[in-house]
Each structure stands twice: as structure tokens, then as C-alpha cells.
Amino acid sequence: RQNRRDSLFLSHKLSNNEQSTNPTQIRKSIKQTITTLGIKYLDMVSIHSPLTDPTRRLTTYRTLLEMQEDGLIRSVGLCNYGVGP
């Protein structure tokens, strides 16, 4: 079974509703996804959109980095962010 998991790359996008100033809430959301999928970690979690306030985005990003250190997430990404001024 482990070889089967190693052949998959599982990604999750955190919606605007899942972004939060509360790290516990963010962790709970990610852990629920991991539990629902019956896996031990996600290969990548992305912050889906920059349409929340800066505090929520930064707290979410920092929490994802902590979860990466804990081994629950392998990579942290961003989606739908523009490039430039």
C-alpha cells in the first residue's frame, strides 16, 4: 500500500472560508481533509486566493509552514495571485 500512496500527488486548496486568523481552525481543517482521505500527509496545500485580508493570509501561510515542519504537508503553495505591482 505504501507504494500506491507514493505514486499519488495529493493537493488541497484552502478556500477563502478556510483561511483564518486562528491557527487551530486552520489545522483542524487540514487534519479533517487528511482524515477524510485516509492518508498521513498532503503533498501540497495552497492558499486558493488573495481575496481575504492580509492578517488572515499571513496567519494561514505561517500555520501551513508549521504543518509542513510537522510532516502533515510536504509543500505550501499559492493560487490566483497576480504578478507585478
N, C-alpha and C. Protein backbone atom coordinates (compact mmCIF):
# COMPACT_ATOMS: atom_id res chain seq x y z
N ARG A 1 0.81 -1.20 0.00
CA ARG A 1 0.00 0.00 0.00
C ARG A 1 0.85 1.26 0.00
N GLN A 2 1.95 1.26 0.67
CA GLN A 2 2.78 2.47 0.73
C GLN A 2 3.24 2.88 -0.67
N ASN A 3 3.58 1.92 -1.50
CA ASN A 3 3.99 2.23 -2.86
C ASN A 3 2.86 2.89 -3.64
N ARG A 4 1.64 2.50 -3.37
CA ARG A 4 0.49 3.11 -4.06
C ARG A 4 0.37 4.58 -3.67
N ARG A 5 0.57 4.90 -2.40
CA ARG A 5 0.48 6.30 -1.95
C ARG A 5 1.63 7.11 -2.54
N ASP A 6 2.79 6.52 -2.61
CA ASP A 6 3.94 7.24 -3.16
C ASP A 6 3.76 7.60 -4.62
N SER A 7 2.87 6.91 -5.32
CA SER A 7 2.66 7.20 -6.74
C SER A 7 1.60 8.29 -6.95
N LEU A 8 1.01 8.79 -5.88
CA LEU A 8 -0.01 9.83 -5.97
C LEU A 8 0.53 11.16 -5.44
N PHE A 9 0.11 12.25 -6.04
CA PHE A 9 0.40 13.58 -5.54
C PHE A 9 -0.93 14.21 -5.19
N LEU A 10 -1.19 14.34 -3.89
CA LEU A 10 -2.48 14.84 -3.42
C LEU A 10 -2.35 16.29 -2.98
N SER A 11 -3.19 17.13 -3.57
CA SER A 11 -3.15 18.57 -3.33
C SER A 11 -4.50 19.03 -2.80
N HIS A 12 -4.47 20.06 -1.98
CA HIS A 12 -5.69 20.65 -1.44
C HIS A 12 -5.56 22.17 -1.51
N LYS A 13 -6.63 22.83 -1.90
CA LYS A 13 -6.66 24.29 -1.90
C LYS A 13 -7.50 24.76 -0.72
N LEU A 14 -6.93 25.65 0.08
CA LEU A 14 -7.69 26.25 1.17
C LEU A 14 -8.56 27.36 0.60
N SER A 15 -9.85 27.24 0.74
CA SER A 15 -10.76 28.27 0.26
C SER A 15 -10.64 29.53 1.12
N ASN A 16 -11.25 30.61 0.68
CA ASN A 16 -11.24 31.83 1.48
C ASN A 16 -11.87 31.58 2.85
N ASN A 17 -12.89 30.74 2.90
CA ASN A 17 -13.55 30.43 4.17
C ASN A 17 -12.65 29.65 5.12
N GLU A 18 -11.71 28.87 4.58
CA GLU A 18 -10.81 28.09 5.42
C GLU A 18 -9.62 28.90 5.93
N GLN A 19 -9.35 30.04 5.30
CA GLN A 19 -8.29 30.92 5.79
C GLN A 19 -8.78 31.57 7.09
N SER A 20 -7.88 31.78 8.04
CA SER A 20 -8.31 32.25 9.34
C SER A 20 -7.18 32.94 10.08
N THR A 21 -7.54 33.74 11.07
CA THR A 21 -6.55 34.30 11.99
C THR A 21 -6.32 33.34 13.16
N ASN A 22 -7.03 32.22 13.16
CA ASN A 22 -6.93 31.24 14.23
C ASN A 22 -6.20 29.98 13.71
N PRO A 23 -4.92 29.81 14.09
CA PRO A 23 -4.17 28.64 13.63
C PRO A 23 -4.83 27.31 13.95
N THR A 24 -5.51 27.21 15.08
CA THR A 24 -6.18 25.97 15.46
C THR A 24 -7.26 25.61 14.45
N GLN A 25 -7.99 26.59 13.98
CA GLN A 25 -9.04 26.36 12.99
C GLN A 25 -8.45 25.89 11.67
N ILE A 26 -7.33 26.48 11.26
CA ILE A 26 -6.67 26.08 10.02
C ILE A 26 -6.17 24.64 10.13
N ARG A 27 -5.51 24.33 11.24
CA ARG A 27 -5.01 22.97 11.47
C ARG A 27 -6.16 21.96 11.44
N LYS A 28 -7.27 22.31 12.07
CA LYS A 28 -8.42 21.42 12.12
C LYS A 28 -8.93 21.13 10.71
N SER A 29 -8.99 22.15 9.88
CA SER A 29 -9.47 21.99 8.51
C SER A 29 -8.57 21.05 7.71
N ILE A 30 -7.26 21.26 7.83
CA ILE A 30 -6.30 20.41 7.08
C ILE A 30 -6.35 18.98 7.62
N LYS A 31 -6.36 18.83 8.93
CA LYS A 31 -6.40 17.48 9.52
C LYS A 31 -7.67 16.75 9.13
N GLN A 32 -8.78 17.48 9.00
CA GLN A 32 -10.04 16.85 8.57
C GLN A 32 -9.91 16.33 7.15
N THR A 33 -9.26 17.10 6.29
CA THR A 33 -9.04 16.65 4.91
C THR A 33 -8.18 15.40 4.89
N ILE A 34 -7.12 15.39 5.68
CA ILE A 34 -6.23 14.23 5.75
C ILE A 34 -6.99 13.00 6.25
N THR A 35 -7.80 13.19 7.28
CA THR A 35 -8.59 12.09 7.83
C THR A 35 -9.62 11.58 6.82
N THR A 36 -10.30 12.49 6.17
CA THR A 36 -11.31 12.12 5.18
C THR A 36 -10.70 11.29 4.05
N LEU A 37 -9.50 11.67 3.63
CA LEU A 37 -8.83 10.94 2.55
C LEU A 37 -8.15 9.66 3.03
N GLY A 38 -8.03 9.49 4.35
CA GLY A 38 -7.41 8.29 4.89
C GLY A 38 -5.92 8.22 4.62
N ILE A 39 -5.25 9.36 4.71
CA ILE A 39 -3.81 9.44 4.43
C ILE A 39 -3.09 10.02 5.64
N LYS A 40 -1.76 10.07 5.57
CA LYS A 40 -0.97 10.61 6.67
C LYS A 40 -0.49 12.03 6.42
N TYR A 41 -0.48 12.45 5.15
CA TYR A 41 0.01 13.80 4.81
C TYR A 41 -0.57 14.21 3.45
N LEU A 42 -0.53 15.50 3.19
CA LEU A 42 -0.87 16.04 1.87
C LEU A 42 0.41 16.47 1.19
N ASP A 43 0.51 16.22 -0.10
CA ASP A 43 1.71 16.62 -0.83
C ASP A 43 1.81 18.14 -0.97
N MET A 44 0.67 18.79 -1.15
CA MET A 44 0.67 20.24 -1.26
C MET A 44 -0.65 20.82 -0.78
N VAL A 45 -0.55 21.94 -0.07
CA VAL A 45 -1.72 22.72 0.29
C VAL A 45 -1.47 24.13 -0.22
N SER A 46 -2.45 24.66 -0.95
CA SER A 46 -2.33 26.00 -1.50
C SER A 46 -3.37 26.93 -0.89
N ILE A 47 -2.96 28.17 -0.69
CA ILE A 47 -3.91 29.22 -0.34
C ILE A 47 -4.57 29.62 -1.65
N HIS A 48 -5.86 29.40 -1.75
CA HIS A 48 -6.56 29.46 -3.03
C HIS A 48 -6.61 30.86 -3.64
N SER A 49 -6.74 31.89 -2.83
CA SER A 49 -6.95 33.21 -3.40
C SER A 49 -6.54 34.30 -2.42
N PRO A 50 -6.12 35.45 -2.94
CA PRO A 50 -5.71 36.56 -2.08
C PRO A 50 -6.87 37.47 -1.68
N LEU A 51 -8.10 36.99 -1.80
CA LEU A 51 -9.26 37.86 -1.57
C LEU A 51 -9.67 37.97 -0.10
N THR A 52 -8.79 37.61 0.81
CA THR A 52 -9.04 37.82 2.24
C THR A 52 -8.10 38.92 2.72
N ASP A 53 -8.26 39.31 3.97
CA ASP A 53 -7.41 40.38 4.48
C ASP A 53 -5.99 39.87 4.74
N PRO A 54 -5.01 40.77 4.76
CA PRO A 54 -3.61 40.37 4.92
C PRO A 54 -3.33 39.56 6.18
N THR A 55 -4.02 39.85 7.27
CA THR A 55 -3.78 39.12 8.52
C THR A 55 -4.19 37.66 8.37
N ARG A 56 -5.32 37.42 7.76
CA ARG A 56 -5.77 36.03 7.55
C ARG A 56 -4.81 35.28 6.64
N ARG A 57 -4.37 35.93 5.56
CA ARG A 57 -3.44 35.27 4.64
C ARG A 57 -2.13 34.93 5.32
N LEU A 58 -1.58 35.87 6.09
CA LEU A 58 -0.30 35.64 6.74
C LEU A 58 -0.40 34.57 7.82
N THR A 59 -1.45 34.60 8.62
CA THR A 59 -1.64 33.57 9.65
C THR A 59 -1.80 32.21 9.00
N THR A 60 -2.58 32.14 7.93
CA THR A 60 -2.77 30.88 7.22
C THR A 60 -1.44 30.37 6.68
N TYR A 61 -0.68 31.24 6.04
CA TYR A 61 0.61 30.85 5.48
C TYR A 61 1.56 30.34 6.56
N ARG A 62 1.66 31.06 7.65
CA ARG A 62 2.56 30.64 8.75
C ARG A 62 2.12 29.30 9.34
N THR A 63 0.81 29.11 9.47
CA THR A 63 0.30 27.84 10.01
C THR A 63 0.62 26.69 9.07
N LEU A 64 0.48 26.92 7.77
CA LEU A 64 0.82 25.87 6.80
C LEU A 64 2.30 25.53 6.87
N LEU A 65 3.16 26.52 7.04
CA LEU A 65 4.59 26.25 7.18
C LEU A 65 4.88 25.42 8.43
N GLU A 66 4.19 25.70 9.53
CA GLU A 66 4.34 24.90 10.75
C GLU A 66 3.89 23.46 10.50
N MET A 67 2.79 23.30 9.79
CA MET A 67 2.29 21.96 9.50
C MET A 67 3.25 21.22 8.56
N GLN A 68 3.93 21.97 7.72
CA GLN A 68 4.96 21.37 6.87
C GLN A 68 6.10 20.85 7.74
N GLU A 69 6.51 21.62 8.71
CA GLU A 69 7.56 21.17 9.64
C GLU A 69 7.13 19.94 10.41
N ASP A 70 5.83 19.84 10.70
CA ASP A 70 5.28 18.69 11.44
C ASP A 70 5.11 17.45 10.57
N GLY A 71 5.29 17.60 9.25
CA GLY A 71 5.18 16.47 8.34
C GLY A 71 3.77 16.20 7.81
N LEU A 72 2.82 17.08 8.11
CA LEU A 72 1.45 16.88 7.63
C LEU A 72 1.26 17.41 6.21
N ILE A 73 2.15 18.32 5.81
CA ILE A 73 2.12 18.91 4.47
C ILE A 73 3.54 18.85 3.93
N ARG A 74 3.69 18.49 2.69
CA ARG A 74 5.03 18.46 2.08
C ARG A 74 5.40 19.79 1.43
N SER A 75 4.43 20.44 0.76
CA SER A 75 4.69 21.71 0.06
C SER A 75 3.56 22.68 0.32
N VAL A 76 3.89 23.97 0.34
CA VAL A 76 2.90 25.03 0.52
C VAL A 76 2.91 25.88 -0.75
N GLY A 77 1.72 26.19 -1.25
CA GLY A 77 1.63 26.96 -2.49
C GLY A 77 0.59 28.04 -2.43
N LEU A 78 0.54 28.82 -3.50
CA LEU A 78 -0.44 29.90 -3.67
C LEU A 78 -1.13 29.73 -5.01
N CYS A 79 -2.39 30.13 -5.09
CA CYS A 79 -3.13 30.10 -6.35
C CYS A 79 -3.78 31.46 -6.60
N ASN A 80 -3.84 31.83 -7.85
CA ASN A 80 -4.60 33.02 -8.27
C ASN A 80 -4.05 34.33 -7.72
N TYR A 81 -2.76 34.37 -7.44
CA TYR A 81 -2.11 35.61 -7.04
C TYR A 81 -1.50 36.22 -8.29
N GLY A 82 -1.67 37.51 -8.46
CA GLY A 82 -1.10 38.19 -9.61
C GLY A 82 0.40 38.40 -9.43
N VAL A 83 1.05 38.75 -10.52
CA VAL A 83 2.47 39.05 -10.51
C VAL A 83 2.62 40.51 -10.92
N GLY A 84 3.42 41.24 -10.20
CA GLY A 84 3.67 42.62 -10.58
C GLY A 84 3.13 43.60 -9.55
N PRO A 85 3.19 44.87 -9.90
CA PRO A 85 2.81 45.93 -8.93
C PRO A 85 1.35 45.91 -8.55
